[in-house]
Amino acid sequence: MGESSEAVKINSGVKMSTVAAITAALAVGGYLGEGQRIAGIRRKGGMSPWKKSGLVKHMLGRDLSIDPNSL
């Protein structure tokens, strides 16, 4: 299983300790069998702080009360 961490691209932005933790968790959970390896791990990009701020502002401005006449 030590081979799986070497198979991950170095420029992926993922720390080798993270790869080792993921590999161990998969092996313990039974999802990674003997002779299998991880082909690649990539970092998931987060939402832009500007976009997140706009979304929060929009959602907080919504009126979530239920109009009894619409039921």
C-alpha atoms as a PDB file:
ATOM      1  CA  MET A   1       0.000   0.000   0.000  1.00  0.00           C
ATOM      2  CA  GLY A   2       2.989   2.345   0.299  1.00  0.00           C
ATOM      3  CA  GLU A   3       2.945   2.449  -3.472  1.00  0.00           C
ATOM      4  CA  SER A   4      -0.408   4.263  -3.529  1.00  0.00           C
ATOM      5  CA  SER A   5       0.974   7.494  -2.067  1.00  0.00           C
ATOM      6  CA  GLU A   6       3.739   7.528  -4.701  1.00  0.00           C
ATOM      7  CA  ALA A   7       1.165   7.245  -7.487  1.00  0.00           C
ATOM      8  CA  VAL A   8      -0.418  10.580  -6.578  1.00  0.00           C
ATOM      9  CA  LYS A   9       0.777  13.553  -8.568  1.00  0.00           C
ATOM     10  CA  ILE A  10       3.143  15.742  -6.555  1.00  0.00           C
ATOM     11  CA  ASN A  11       1.682  18.986  -7.953  1.00  0.00           C
ATOM     12  CA  SER A  12      -1.884  18.108  -6.907  1.00  0.00           C
ATOM     13  CA  GLY A  13      -1.660  20.293  -3.800  1.00  0.00           C
ATOM     14  CA  VAL A  14      -2.496  17.370  -1.514  1.00  0.00           C
ATOM     15  CA  LYS A  15      -0.130  16.578   1.342  1.00  0.00           C
ATOM     16  CA  MET A  16       1.330  13.085   1.472  1.00  0.00           C
ATOM     17  CA  SER A  17       0.065  12.751   5.053  1.00  0.00           C
ATOM     18  CA  THR A  18      -3.462  13.320   3.717  1.00  0.00           C
ATOM     19  CA  VAL A  19      -2.917  10.653   1.062  1.00  0.00           C
ATOM     20  CA  ALA A  20      -1.697   8.251   3.742  1.00  0.00           C
ATOM     21  CA  ALA A  21      -4.750   8.952   5.921  1.00  0.00           C
ATOM     22  CA  ILE A  22      -7.149   8.421   3.010  1.00  0.00           C
ATOM     23  CA  THR A  23      -5.361   5.211   2.014  1.00  0.00           C
ATOM     24  CA  ALA A  24      -5.493   3.883   5.576  1.00  0.00           C
ATOM     25  CA  ALA A  25      -9.180   4.749   5.955  1.00  0.00           C
ATOM     26  CA  LEU A  26     -10.042   3.005   2.683  1.00  0.00           C
ATOM     27  CA  ALA A  27      -8.035  -0.071   3.659  1.00  0.00           C
ATOM     28  CA  VAL A  28      -9.591  -0.314   7.135  1.00  0.00           C
ATOM     29  CA  GLY A  29     -13.084   0.185   5.700  1.00  0.00           C
ATOM     30  CA  GLY A  30     -12.561  -2.636   3.216  1.00  0.00           C
ATOM     31  CA  TYR A  31     -12.744  -0.399   0.142  1.00  0.00           C
ATOM     32  CA  LEU A  32      -9.100  -0.891  -0.815  1.00  0.00           C
ATOM     33  CA  GLY A  33      -8.004  -4.485  -1.212  1.00  0.00           C
ATOM     34  CA  GLU A  34      -4.626  -6.136  -1.464  1.00  0.00           C
ATOM     35  CA  GLY A  35      -2.849  -5.095  -4.657  1.00  0.00           C
ATOM     36  CA  GLN A  36      -5.160  -2.141  -5.307  1.00  0.00           C
ATOM     37  CA  ARG A  37      -3.867   1.414  -5.336  1.00  0.00           C
ATOM     38  CA  ILE A  38      -5.189   4.940  -5.405  1.00  0.00           C
ATOM     39  CA  ALA A  39      -4.880   6.372  -8.914  1.00  0.00           C
ATOM     40  CA  GLY A  40      -5.234  10.020  -7.942  1.00  0.00           C
ATOM     41  CA  ILE A  41      -6.427  12.457  -5.328  1.00  0.00           C
ATOM     42  CA  ARG A  42      -7.119  16.084  -6.029  1.00  0.00           C
ATOM     43  CA  ARG A  43      -8.014  18.986  -3.841  1.00  0.00           C
ATOM     44  CA  LYS A  44     -11.599  20.144  -4.132  1.00  0.00           C
ATOM     45  CA  GLY A  45     -11.780  23.849  -4.835  1.00  0.00           C
ATOM     46  CA  GLY A  46     -13.775  25.932  -2.436  1.00  0.00           C
ATOM     47  CA  MET A  47     -16.258  28.654  -3.198  1.00  0.00           C
ATOM     48  CA  SER A  48     -14.865  32.130  -3.772  1.00  0.00           C
ATOM     49  CA  PRO A  49     -15.227  34.302  -0.634  1.00  0.00           C
ATOM     50  CA  TRP A  50     -16.912  36.992  -2.750  1.00  0.00           C
ATOM     51  CA  LYS A  51     -19.432  34.527  -4.147  1.00  0.00           C
ATOM     52  CA  LYS A  52     -20.085  33.051  -0.702  1.00  0.00           C
ATOM     53  CA  SER A  53     -20.628  36.509   0.776  1.00  0.00           C
ATOM     54  CA  GLY A  54     -23.105  37.422  -1.970  1.00  0.00           C
ATOM     55  CA  LEU A  55     -24.995  34.169  -1.561  1.00  0.00           C
ATOM     56  CA  VAL A  56     -25.254  34.610   2.219  1.00  0.00           C
ATOM     57  CA  LYS A  57     -26.446  38.210   1.782  1.00  0.00           C
ATOM     58  CA  HIS A  58     -29.066  37.085  -0.738  1.00  0.00           C
ATOM     59  CA  MET A  59     -30.316  34.211   1.433  1.00  0.00           C
ATOM     60  CA  LEU A  60     -30.502  36.321   4.593  1.00  0.00           C
ATOM     61  CA  GLY A  61     -32.602  38.897   2.721  1.00  0.00           C
ATOM     62  CA  ARG A  62     -35.279  36.364   1.730  1.00  0.00           C
ATOM     63  CA  ASP A  63     -38.640  36.290   3.434  1.00  0.00           C
ATOM     64  CA  LEU A  64     -39.189  32.689   4.497  1.00  0.00           C
ATOM     65  CA  SER A  65     -42.548  33.191   6.176  1.00  0.00           C
ATOM     66  CA  ILE A  66     -45.450  31.212   4.754  1.00  0.00           C
ATOM     67  CA  ASP A  67     -48.412  33.167   3.429  1.00  0.00           C
ATOM     68  CA  PRO A  68     -51.566  31.418   4.729  1.00  0.00           C
ATOM     69  CA  ASN A  69     -53.499  32.588   1.656  1.00  0.00           C
ATOM     70  CA  SER A  70     -51.217  30.641  -0.677  1.00  0.00           C
ATOM     71  CA  LEU A  71     -52.068  27.299   0.929  1.00  0.00           C
END
